[in-house]
């Protein structure tokens, strides 16, 4: 998989600079390749590597993404932090994702499962904010 992502990144860098803003709705940019790289690391349970890739995406590159893509990046980053044993940072990141695009956090089963896992494992000083998120996800009755 890393080889395929490297190839995709190589091709993305050959696009004109304005294409990174998703001008033609291609969603094929170096930034989007980085998002897929983060998601791949999470799927392979390589959380620390995924977090490192996500942190290398600049604020300007993130800002150029549509808000739902920013939310996806943040939810994947929350998963990565969880895998790396950084639960409080994961909860903070998940709350950032909710601020970007609430529907992408509250309505996705994968994200709801992450919130449920946090509740079972605990989240330290983030516990109160996690409980509020779980309520918004409809996980508490």
C-alpha atoms as a PDB file:
ATOM      1  CA  UNK A   1       0.000   0.000   0.000  1.00  0.00           C
ATOM      2  CA  UNK A   2       2.763   2.519   0.756  1.00  0.00           C
ATOM      3  CA  UNK A   3       4.105   2.081  -2.784  1.00  0.00           C
ATOM      4  CA  UNK A   4       0.702   2.849  -4.281  1.00  0.00           C
ATOM      5  CA  UNK A   5       0.334   5.937  -2.110  1.00  0.00           C
ATOM      6  CA  UNK A   6       3.826   7.055  -3.134  1.00  0.00           C
ATOM      7  CA  UNK A   7       2.812   6.689  -6.788  1.00  0.00           C
ATOM      8  CA  UNK A   8      -0.396   8.627  -6.193  1.00  0.00           C
ATOM      9  CA  UNK A   9       1.557  11.377  -4.473  1.00  0.00           C
ATOM     10  CA  UNK A  10       4.001  11.539  -7.372  1.00  0.00           C
ATOM     11  CA  UNK A  11       1.142  11.933  -9.848  1.00  0.00           C
ATOM     12  CA  UNK A  12      -0.601  14.509  -7.661  1.00  0.00           C
ATOM     13  CA  UNK A  13       2.498  16.684  -7.604  1.00  0.00           C
ATOM     14  CA  UNK A  14       2.370  16.815 -11.406  1.00  0.00           C
ATOM     15  CA  UNK A  15      -0.990  18.600 -11.310  1.00  0.00           C
ATOM     16  CA  UNK A  16      -1.044  22.395 -11.520  1.00  0.00           C
ATOM     17  CA  UNK A  17      -0.742  24.164  -8.157  1.00  0.00           C
ATOM     18  CA  UNK A  18      -4.327  25.454  -8.295  1.00  0.00           C
ATOM     19  CA  UNK A  19      -5.585  21.863  -8.459  1.00  0.00           C
ATOM     20  CA  UNK A  20      -4.655  21.405  -4.787  1.00  0.00           C
ATOM     21  CA  UNK A  21      -7.619  23.617  -3.985  1.00  0.00           C
ATOM     22  CA  UNK A  22      -9.891  20.961  -5.501  1.00  0.00           C
ATOM     23  CA  UNK A  23     -10.827  23.459  -8.223  1.00  0.00           C
ATOM     24  CA  UNK A  24     -11.988  20.774 -10.634  1.00  0.00           C
ATOM     25  CA  UNK A  25     -13.542  18.621  -7.886  1.00  0.00           C
ATOM     26  CA  UNK A  26     -10.962  15.934  -8.486  1.00  0.00           C
ATOM     27  CA  UNK A  27     -10.084  15.405  -4.804  1.00  0.00           C
ATOM     28  CA  UNK A  28      -6.796  14.198  -6.206  1.00  0.00           C
ATOM     29  CA  UNK A  29      -4.149  16.292  -4.566  1.00  0.00           C
ATOM     30  CA  UNK A  30      -1.069  15.756  -2.457  1.00  0.00           C
ATOM     31  CA  UNK A  31      -3.135  16.752   0.570  1.00  0.00           C
ATOM     32  CA  UNK A  32      -5.791  14.152  -0.206  1.00  0.00           C
ATOM     33  CA  UNK A  33      -3.096  11.524  -0.716  1.00  0.00           C
ATOM     34  CA  UNK A  34      -1.858  12.419   2.776  1.00  0.00           C
ATOM     35  CA  UNK A  35      -5.395  11.901   4.109  1.00  0.00           C
ATOM     36  CA  UNK A  36      -5.482   8.431   2.566  1.00  0.00           C
ATOM     37  CA  UNK A  37      -2.036   7.760   4.000  1.00  0.00           C
ATOM     38  CA  UNK A  38      -3.327   8.641   7.502  1.00  0.00           C
ATOM     39  CA  UNK A  39      -6.373   6.404   7.027  1.00  0.00           C
ATOM     40  CA  UNK A  40      -4.156   3.551   5.829  1.00  0.00           C
ATOM     41  CA  UNK A  41      -1.910   3.794   8.880  1.00  0.00           C
ATOM     42  CA  UNK A  42      -5.005   3.697  11.099  1.00  0.00           C
ATOM     43  CA  UNK A  43      -6.360   0.626   9.298  1.00  0.00           C
ATOM     44  CA  UNK A  44      -2.987  -1.069   9.789  1.00  0.00           C
ATOM     45  CA  UNK A  45      -2.992  -0.092  13.504  1.00  0.00           C
ATOM     46  CA  UNK A  46       0.037   2.153  13.029  1.00  0.00           C
ATOM     47  CA  UNK A  47      -1.385   5.057  15.006  1.00  0.00           C
ATOM     48  CA  UNK A  48       1.865   6.895  15.720  1.00  0.00           C
ATOM     49  CA  UNK A  49       2.801   6.838  12.026  1.00  0.00           C
ATOM     50  CA  UNK A  50      -0.675   8.065  11.053  1.00  0.00           C
ATOM     51  CA  UNK A  51      -0.495  10.901  13.570  1.00  0.00           C
ATOM     52  CA  UNK A  52       2.901  11.938  12.199  1.00  0.00           C
ATOM     53  CA  UNK A  53       1.529  12.118   8.649  1.00  0.00           C
ATOM     54  CA  UNK A  54      -1.511  14.124   9.806  1.00  0.00           C
ATOM     55  CA  UNK A  55       0.650  16.582  11.714  1.00  0.00           C
ATOM     56  CA  UNK A  56       2.773  17.167   8.599  1.00  0.00           C
ATOM     57  CA  UNK A  57      -0.275  18.561   6.759  1.00  0.00           C
ATOM     58  CA  UNK A  58      -0.004  22.336   7.021  1.00  0.00           C
ATOM     59  CA  UNK A  59      -2.790  24.581   8.277  1.00  0.00           C
ATOM     60  CA  UNK A  60      -3.133  26.078   4.775  1.00  0.00           C
ATOM     61  CA  UNK A  61      -3.449  22.626   3.211  1.00  0.00           C
ATOM     62  CA  UNK A  62      -6.104  21.651   5.778  1.00  0.00           C
ATOM     63  CA  UNK A  63      -7.977  24.910   5.219  1.00  0.00           C
ATOM     64  CA  UNK A  64      -8.137  24.205   1.469  1.00  0.00           C
ATOM     65  CA  UNK A  65     -10.048  20.979   2.116  1.00  0.00           C
ATOM     66  CA  UNK A  66     -13.845  20.917   2.217  1.00  0.00           C
ATOM     67  CA  UNK A  67     -15.061  20.826   5.831  1.00  0.00           C
ATOM     68  CA  UNK A  68     -16.212  17.200   5.632  1.00  0.00           C
ATOM     69  CA  UNK A  69     -12.725  16.150   4.474  1.00  0.00           C
ATOM     70  CA  UNK A  70     -11.223  18.116   7.386  1.00  0.00           C
ATOM     71  CA  UNK A  71     -13.591  16.257   9.722  1.00  0.00           C
ATOM     72  CA  UNK A  72     -12.564  12.913   8.206  1.00  0.00           C
ATOM     73  CA  UNK A  73      -8.910  13.782   8.725  1.00  0.00           C
ATOM     74  CA  UNK A  74      -9.589  14.690  12.346  1.00  0.00           C
ATOM     75  CA  UNK A  75     -11.589  11.520  13.043  1.00  0.00           C
ATOM     76  CA  UNK A  76      -8.799   9.416  11.529  1.00  0.00           C
ATOM     77  CA  UNK A  77      -6.315  11.377  13.632  1.00  0.00           C
ATOM     78  CA  UNK A  78      -8.432  10.657  16.725  1.00  0.00           C
ATOM     79  CA  UNK A  79      -8.260   6.953  15.872  1.00  0.00           C
ATOM     80  CA  UNK A  80      -4.484   7.268  15.411  1.00  0.00           C
ATOM     81  CA  UNK A  81      -4.077   8.960  18.788  1.00  0.00           C
ATOM     82  CA  UNK A  82      -6.147   6.206  20.391  1.00  0.00           C
ATOM     83  CA  UNK A  83      -3.915   3.548  18.892  1.00  0.00           C
ATOM     84  CA  UNK A  84      -0.872   5.468  20.133  1.00  0.00           C
ATOM     85  CA  UNK A  85      -2.314   5.507  23.671  1.00  0.00           C
ATOM     86  CA  UNK A  86      -3.094   9.241  23.713  1.00  0.00           C
ATOM     87  CA  UNK A  87      -6.797   9.104  24.638  1.00  0.00           C
ATOM     88  CA  UNK A  88      -7.184  12.665  25.910  1.00  0.00           C
ATOM     89  CA  UNK A  89      -5.614  14.037  22.734  1.00  0.00           C
ATOM     90  CA  UNK A  90      -7.908  11.734  20.743  1.00  0.00           C
ATOM     91  CA  UNK A  91     -11.016  13.091  22.499  1.00  0.00           C
ATOM     92  CA  UNK A  92      -9.890  16.687  21.875  1.00  0.00           C
ATOM     93  CA  UNK A  93      -9.321  15.880  18.203  1.00  0.00           C
ATOM     94  CA  UNK A  94     -12.718  14.209  17.905  1.00  0.00           C
ATOM     95  CA  UNK A  95     -14.356  17.305  19.387  1.00  0.00           C
ATOM     96  CA  UNK A  96     -12.470  19.420  16.819  1.00  0.00           C
ATOM     97  CA  UNK A  97     -13.884  17.168  14.099  1.00  0.00           C
ATOM     98  CA  UNK A  98     -17.384  17.696  15.464  1.00  0.00           C
ATOM     99  CA  UNK A  99     -16.892  21.466  15.273  1.00  0.00           C
ATOM    100  CA  UNK A 100     -15.810  21.140  11.615  1.00  0.00           C
ATOM    101  CA  UNK A 101     -18.734  18.979  10.497  1.00  0.00           C
ATOM    102  CA  UNK A 102     -21.042  17.639  13.220  1.00  0.00           C
ATOM    103  CA  UNK A 103     -22.892  15.299  10.856  1.00  0.00           C
ATOM    104  CA  UNK A 104     -19.615  13.543  10.000  1.00  0.00           C
ATOM    105  CA  UNK A 105     -19.034  12.714  13.656  1.00  0.00           C
ATOM    106  CA  UNK A 106     -22.508  12.239  15.089  1.00  0.00           C
ATOM    107  CA  UNK A 107     -23.891  10.169  12.220  1.00  0.00           C
ATOM    108  CA  UNK A 108     -21.041   7.780  11.417  1.00  0.00           C
ATOM    109  CA  UNK A 109     -21.101   4.336  13.064  1.00  0.00           C
ATOM    110  CA  UNK A 110     -17.271   4.087  13.041  1.00  0.00           C
ATOM    111  CA  UNK A 111     -16.980   7.343  14.961  1.00  0.00           C
ATOM    112  CA  UNK A 112     -19.766   6.409  17.343  1.00  0.00           C
ATOM    113  CA  UNK A 113     -17.894   3.170  18.057  1.00  0.00           C
ATOM    114  CA  UNK A 114     -14.780   5.204  18.888  1.00  0.00           C
ATOM    115  CA  UNK A 115     -16.801   7.339  21.325  1.00  0.00           C
ATOM    116  CA  UNK A 116     -18.214   4.165  22.899  1.00  0.00           C
ATOM    117  CA  UNK A 117     -14.690   2.719  23.227  1.00  0.00           C
ATOM    118  CA  UNK A 118     -13.514   5.917  24.924  1.00  0.00           C
ATOM    119  CA  UNK A 119     -16.365   5.646  27.392  1.00  0.00           C
ATOM    120  CA  UNK A 120     -15.442   2.052  28.220  1.00  0.00           C
ATOM    121  CA  UNK A 121     -11.713   2.763  28.513  1.00  0.00           C
ATOM    122  CA  UNK A 122     -11.971   6.195  30.113  1.00  0.00           C
ATOM    123  CA  UNK A 123     -10.497   9.434  28.875  1.00  0.00           C
ATOM    124  CA  UNK A 124      -8.975  11.033  31.951  1.00  0.00           C
ATOM    125  CA  UNK A 125      -9.616  14.749  32.280  1.00  0.00           C
ATOM    126  CA  UNK A 126     -11.603  14.688  29.016  1.00  0.00           C
ATOM    127  CA  UNK A 127     -14.300  12.497  30.568  1.00  0.00           C
ATOM    128  CA  UNK A 128     -16.926  15.254  30.899  1.00  0.00           C
ATOM    129  CA  UNK A 129     -16.486  16.438  27.312  1.00  0.00           C
ATOM    130  CA  UNK A 130     -16.601  12.822  26.148  1.00  0.00           C
ATOM    131  CA  UNK A 131     -19.871  12.247  27.991  1.00  0.00           C
ATOM    132  CA  UNK A 132     -21.397  15.299  26.287  1.00  0.00           C
ATOM    133  CA  UNK A 133     -20.256  13.991  22.890  1.00  0.00           C
ATOM    134  CA  UNK A 134     -21.704  10.566  23.656  1.00  0.00           C
ATOM    135  CA  UNK A 135     -25.041  12.236  24.481  1.00  0.00           C
ATOM    136  CA  UNK A 136     -24.993  14.131  21.167  1.00  0.00           C
ATOM    137  CA  UNK A 137     -24.251  10.830  19.377  1.00  0.00           C
ATOM    138  CA  UNK A 138     -27.298   9.297  21.083  1.00  0.00           C
ATOM    139  CA  UNK A 139     -25.170   6.755  22.938  1.00  0.00           C
ATOM    140  CA  UNK A 140     -26.518   7.617  26.393  1.00  0.00           C
ATOM    141  CA  UNK A 141     -30.081   7.136  27.429  1.00  0.00           C
END
